[in-house]
N, C-alpha and C. Protein backbone atom coordinates (compact mmCIF):
# COMPACT_ATOMS: atom_id res chain seq x y z
N UNK A 1 140.92 41.12 50.20
CA UNK A 1 140.73 40.44 51.46
C UNK A 1 141.38 39.07 51.34
N UNK A 2 142.09 38.66 52.32
CA UNK A 2 142.88 37.43 52.21
C UNK A 2 142.07 36.15 52.03
N UNK A 3 140.83 36.13 52.49
CA UNK A 3 140.04 34.89 52.38
C UNK A 3 138.96 34.99 51.30
N UNK A 4 139.09 35.94 50.40
CA UNK A 4 138.07 36.11 49.35
C UNK A 4 137.98 34.85 48.51
N UNK A 5 136.76 34.47 48.21
CA UNK A 5 136.49 33.27 47.42
C UNK A 5 136.04 33.67 46.02
N UNK A 6 136.45 32.88 45.04
CA UNK A 6 136.00 33.11 43.67
C UNK A 6 134.47 33.02 43.64
N UNK A 7 133.83 33.96 42.94
CA UNK A 7 132.37 33.96 42.84
C UNK A 7 131.93 33.68 41.41
N UNK A 8 132.40 34.49 40.45
CA UNK A 8 132.03 34.29 39.06
C UNK A 8 132.92 35.11 38.14
N UNK A 9 132.84 34.82 36.87
CA UNK A 9 133.55 35.57 35.85
C UNK A 9 132.52 36.28 34.98
N UNK A 10 132.79 37.54 34.67
CA UNK A 10 131.88 38.30 33.81
C UNK A 10 132.65 38.82 32.60
N UNK A 11 131.97 38.87 31.47
CA UNK A 11 132.56 39.42 30.25
C UNK A 11 132.46 40.94 30.30
N UNK A 12 133.54 41.60 29.92
CA UNK A 12 133.56 43.06 29.85
C UNK A 12 133.20 43.49 28.44
N UNK A 13 132.77 44.72 28.28
CA UNK A 13 132.47 45.23 26.95
C UNK A 13 133.71 45.09 26.08
N UNK A 14 133.51 44.61 24.89
CA UNK A 14 134.63 44.39 23.97
C UNK A 14 135.24 45.71 23.54
N UNK A 15 136.55 45.74 23.46
CA UNK A 15 137.27 46.89 22.94
C UNK A 15 137.06 46.91 21.43
N UNK A 16 136.64 48.04 20.90
CA UNK A 16 136.34 48.10 19.47
C UNK A 16 137.59 47.97 18.60
N UNK A 17 138.77 48.18 19.18
CA UNK A 17 140.01 48.06 18.42
C UNK A 17 140.61 46.66 18.49
N UNK A 18 139.94 45.74 19.16
CA UNK A 18 140.51 44.41 19.35
C UNK A 18 139.41 43.36 19.22
N UNK A 19 139.80 42.21 18.75
CA UNK A 19 138.87 41.09 18.67
C UNK A 19 138.87 40.27 19.96
N UNK A 20 139.76 40.61 20.87
CA UNK A 20 139.91 39.85 22.11
C UNK A 20 138.80 40.21 23.10
N UNK A 21 138.14 39.21 23.65
CA UNK A 21 137.12 39.41 24.67
C UNK A 21 137.79 39.42 26.04
N UNK A 22 137.52 40.45 26.83
CA UNK A 22 138.11 40.56 28.16
C UNK A 22 137.11 40.10 29.20
N UNK A 23 137.63 39.52 30.28
CA UNK A 23 136.80 39.03 31.37
C UNK A 23 137.35 39.53 32.70
N UNK A 24 136.48 39.61 33.67
CA UNK A 24 136.89 39.99 35.02
C UNK A 24 136.40 38.90 35.97
N UNK A 25 137.30 38.45 36.82
CA UNK A 25 136.91 37.47 37.84
C UNK A 25 136.50 38.22 39.10
N UNK A 26 135.35 37.85 39.63
CA UNK A 26 134.83 38.49 40.84
C UNK A 26 135.04 37.58 42.03
N UNK A 27 135.45 38.17 43.14
CA UNK A 27 135.67 37.44 44.39
C UNK A 27 134.84 38.10 45.48
N UNK A 28 134.48 37.34 46.48
CA UNK A 28 133.64 37.86 47.55
C UNK A 28 134.14 37.32 48.89
N UNK A 29 134.01 38.16 49.91
CA UNK A 29 134.33 37.71 51.27
C UNK A 29 133.35 38.37 52.23
N UNK A 30 132.88 37.61 53.16
CA UNK A 30 131.99 38.14 54.20
C UNK A 30 132.84 38.56 55.38
N UNK A 31 132.66 39.81 55.79
CA UNK A 31 133.45 40.36 56.88
C UNK A 31 132.69 41.54 57.47
N UNK A 32 132.87 41.81 58.72
CA UNK A 32 132.20 42.94 59.35
C UNK A 32 132.89 44.26 59.03
N UNK A 33 132.16 45.36 59.20
CA UNK A 33 132.74 46.67 58.94
C UNK A 33 133.84 47.02 59.94
N UNK A 34 133.91 46.29 61.05
CA UNK A 34 134.96 46.52 62.04
C UNK A 34 136.15 45.57 61.84
N UNK A 35 136.16 44.85 60.73
CA UNK A 35 137.24 43.90 60.44
C UNK A 35 138.58 44.63 60.30
N UNK A 36 139.64 44.11 60.92
CA UNK A 36 140.96 44.73 60.77
C UNK A 36 141.49 44.63 59.34
N UNK A 37 140.88 43.80 58.51
CA UNK A 37 141.32 43.64 57.12
C UNK A 37 140.76 44.73 56.22
N UNK A 38 139.76 45.46 56.68
CA UNK A 38 139.12 46.46 55.84
C UNK A 38 140.02 47.68 55.62
N UNK A 39 140.72 48.14 56.64
CA UNK A 39 141.60 49.31 56.48
C UNK A 39 142.68 49.08 55.43
N UNK A 40 143.42 47.96 55.47
CA UNK A 40 144.42 47.75 54.42
C UNK A 40 143.81 47.65 53.02
N UNK A 41 142.61 47.08 52.93
CA UNK A 41 141.92 47.00 51.64
C UNK A 41 141.63 48.40 51.11
N UNK A 42 141.06 49.25 51.96
CA UNK A 42 140.74 50.61 51.54
C UNK A 42 142.00 51.42 51.25
N UNK A 43 143.07 51.19 52.00
CA UNK A 43 144.35 51.87 51.73
C UNK A 43 144.90 51.46 50.37
N UNK A 44 144.81 50.18 50.03
CA UNK A 44 145.28 49.70 48.72
C UNK A 44 144.48 50.36 47.59
N UNK A 45 143.19 50.54 47.80
CA UNK A 45 142.37 51.22 46.79
C UNK A 45 142.80 52.69 46.69
N UNK A 46 142.95 53.37 47.83
CA UNK A 46 143.34 54.78 47.84
C UNK A 46 144.70 54.99 47.19
N UNK A 47 145.59 54.03 47.34
CA UNK A 47 146.93 54.11 46.75
C UNK A 47 146.96 53.62 45.31
N UNK A 48 145.80 53.31 44.74
CA UNK A 48 145.65 52.83 43.36
C UNK A 48 146.40 51.52 43.11
N UNK A 49 146.50 50.69 44.15
CA UNK A 49 147.10 49.37 44.02
C UNK A 49 146.04 48.31 43.74
N UNK A 50 144.79 48.65 43.99
CA UNK A 50 143.67 47.72 43.86
C UNK A 50 142.48 48.52 43.35
N UNK A 51 141.66 47.90 42.52
CA UNK A 51 140.50 48.60 41.96
C UNK A 51 139.29 47.67 41.95
N UNK A 52 138.15 48.26 41.62
CA UNK A 52 136.90 47.51 41.47
C UNK A 52 136.47 46.84 42.77
N UNK A 53 136.60 47.55 43.87
CA UNK A 53 136.19 47.05 45.18
C UNK A 53 134.82 47.64 45.52
N UNK A 54 133.94 46.82 46.02
CA UNK A 54 132.64 47.28 46.51
C UNK A 54 132.42 46.69 47.89
N UNK A 55 132.08 47.56 48.84
CA UNK A 55 131.77 47.14 50.21
C UNK A 55 130.27 47.29 50.39
N UNK A 56 129.63 46.26 50.91
CA UNK A 56 128.18 46.28 51.08
C UNK A 56 127.78 45.32 52.20
N UNK A 57 126.67 45.56 52.86
CA UNK A 57 126.20 44.57 53.83
C UNK A 57 125.61 43.37 53.09
N UNK A 58 125.42 42.26 53.78
CA UNK A 58 124.91 41.04 53.12
C UNK A 58 123.60 41.24 52.36
N UNK A 59 122.73 42.12 52.82
CA UNK A 59 121.45 42.34 52.14
C UNK A 59 121.51 43.34 51.01
N UNK A 60 122.69 43.88 50.72
CA UNK A 60 122.91 44.85 49.65
C UNK A 60 122.04 46.11 49.80
N UNK A 61 121.82 46.54 51.05
CA UNK A 61 121.00 47.72 51.30
C UNK A 61 121.68 49.01 50.82
N UNK A 62 122.98 49.01 50.74
CA UNK A 62 123.75 50.13 50.24
C UNK A 62 125.05 49.60 49.65
N UNK A 63 125.69 50.42 48.81
CA UNK A 63 126.97 50.05 48.21
C UNK A 63 127.96 51.18 48.44
N UNK A 64 129.19 50.83 48.77
CA UNK A 64 130.27 51.79 48.91
C UNK A 64 131.36 51.37 47.94
N UNK A 65 131.64 52.22 46.97
CA UNK A 65 132.62 51.90 45.92
C UNK A 65 133.77 52.91 45.98
N UNK A 66 134.83 52.57 46.72
CA UNK A 66 135.97 53.48 46.81
C UNK A 66 136.86 53.36 45.58
N UNK A 67 137.54 54.45 45.28
CA UNK A 67 138.55 54.45 44.21
C UNK A 67 139.63 55.44 44.61
N UNK A 68 140.70 55.52 43.82
CA UNK A 68 141.86 56.29 44.25
C UNK A 68 141.58 57.78 44.40
N UNK A 69 140.50 58.30 43.83
CA UNK A 69 140.19 59.72 43.95
C UNK A 69 138.99 60.03 44.82
N UNK A 70 138.42 59.03 45.46
CA UNK A 70 137.23 59.26 46.28
C UNK A 70 136.41 58.00 46.44
N UNK A 71 135.09 58.16 46.42
CA UNK A 71 134.21 57.01 46.57
C UNK A 71 132.81 57.38 46.09
N UNK A 72 132.08 56.38 45.66
CA UNK A 72 130.66 56.53 45.36
C UNK A 72 129.89 55.76 46.41
N UNK A 73 128.78 56.33 46.86
CA UNK A 73 127.90 55.67 47.81
C UNK A 73 126.53 55.57 47.14
N UNK A 74 125.99 54.37 47.09
CA UNK A 74 124.68 54.16 46.50
C UNK A 74 123.74 53.71 47.61
N UNK A 75 122.71 54.49 47.81
CA UNK A 75 121.74 54.24 48.89
C UNK A 75 120.37 53.91 48.29
N UNK A 76 119.51 53.27 49.06
CA UNK A 76 118.23 52.82 48.51
C UNK A 76 117.22 53.92 48.23
N UNK A 77 117.34 55.07 48.91
CA UNK A 77 116.35 56.13 48.69
C UNK A 77 117.03 57.48 48.47
N UNK A 78 116.33 58.35 47.79
CA UNK A 78 116.83 59.72 47.60
C UNK A 78 116.97 60.43 48.94
N UNK A 79 116.05 60.16 49.85
CA UNK A 79 116.09 60.80 51.16
C UNK A 79 117.37 60.44 51.91
N UNK A 80 117.75 59.17 51.87
CA UNK A 80 119.00 58.75 52.53
C UNK A 80 120.20 59.37 51.83
N UNK A 81 120.16 59.40 50.50
CA UNK A 81 121.25 60.02 49.74
C UNK A 81 121.39 61.48 50.11
N UNK A 82 120.26 62.21 50.13
CA UNK A 82 120.31 63.64 50.43
C UNK A 82 120.77 63.91 51.86
N UNK A 83 120.37 63.06 52.81
CA UNK A 83 120.81 63.22 54.20
C UNK A 83 122.32 63.00 54.31
N UNK A 84 122.84 62.00 53.62
CA UNK A 84 124.28 61.74 53.64
C UNK A 84 125.04 62.89 52.97
N UNK A 85 124.51 63.36 51.87
CA UNK A 85 125.13 64.48 51.15
C UNK A 85 125.19 65.72 52.03
N UNK A 86 124.12 65.99 52.77
CA UNK A 86 124.08 67.14 53.67
C UNK A 86 125.06 66.98 54.83
N UNK A 87 125.09 65.80 55.42
CA UNK A 87 125.96 65.56 56.57
C UNK A 87 127.44 65.68 56.21
N UNK A 88 127.81 65.26 55.00
CA UNK A 88 129.22 65.27 54.60
C UNK A 88 129.47 66.25 53.45
N UNK A 89 128.72 67.33 53.40
CA UNK A 89 128.85 68.27 52.29
C UNK A 89 130.26 68.85 52.16
N UNK A 90 130.99 68.96 53.26
CA UNK A 90 132.35 69.49 53.19
C UNK A 90 133.30 68.54 52.46
N UNK A 91 132.90 67.29 52.30
CA UNK A 91 133.73 66.32 51.60
C UNK A 91 133.52 66.38 50.09
N UNK A 92 132.45 67.02 49.66
CA UNK A 92 132.09 67.00 48.24
C UNK A 92 132.93 67.98 47.44
N UNK A 93 133.09 67.66 46.18
CA UNK A 93 133.79 68.52 45.24
C UNK A 93 132.99 69.80 45.01
N UNK A 94 133.67 70.87 44.68
CA UNK A 94 133.01 72.12 44.32
C UNK A 94 132.64 72.16 42.84
N UNK A 95 133.01 71.13 42.11
CA UNK A 95 132.70 71.04 40.68
C UNK A 95 131.18 71.01 40.51
N UNK A 96 130.62 71.72 39.52
CA UNK A 96 129.16 71.74 39.33
C UNK A 96 128.54 70.35 39.16
N UNK A 97 129.28 69.40 38.62
CA UNK A 97 128.75 68.04 38.43
C UNK A 97 129.13 67.12 39.59
N UNK A 98 129.67 67.67 40.67
CA UNK A 98 130.09 66.93 41.87
C UNK A 98 131.23 65.97 41.59
N UNK A 99 131.99 66.22 40.54
CA UNK A 99 133.11 65.34 40.19
C UNK A 99 134.36 65.74 40.94
């Protein structure tokens, strides 16, 4: 997102083959789900040009984590998860582990 602000830096798990500590800088931007900037962001993720994106409302009631092969949705209750799974079952993988 063009107006994303730096939020914090987090240390990543150290690579066992290296003594170098890796860090990731996190940025945040407040924007509505109808923002015209959201489509290009999601397209960049789908095209594997951008990674580690999470879309969520301000209260963090749910999380949407898209990646180049799909997306993960994290909901507050099993009931909401199961309802979403049922509504969009045709989108799910046929793999036994839902991968």
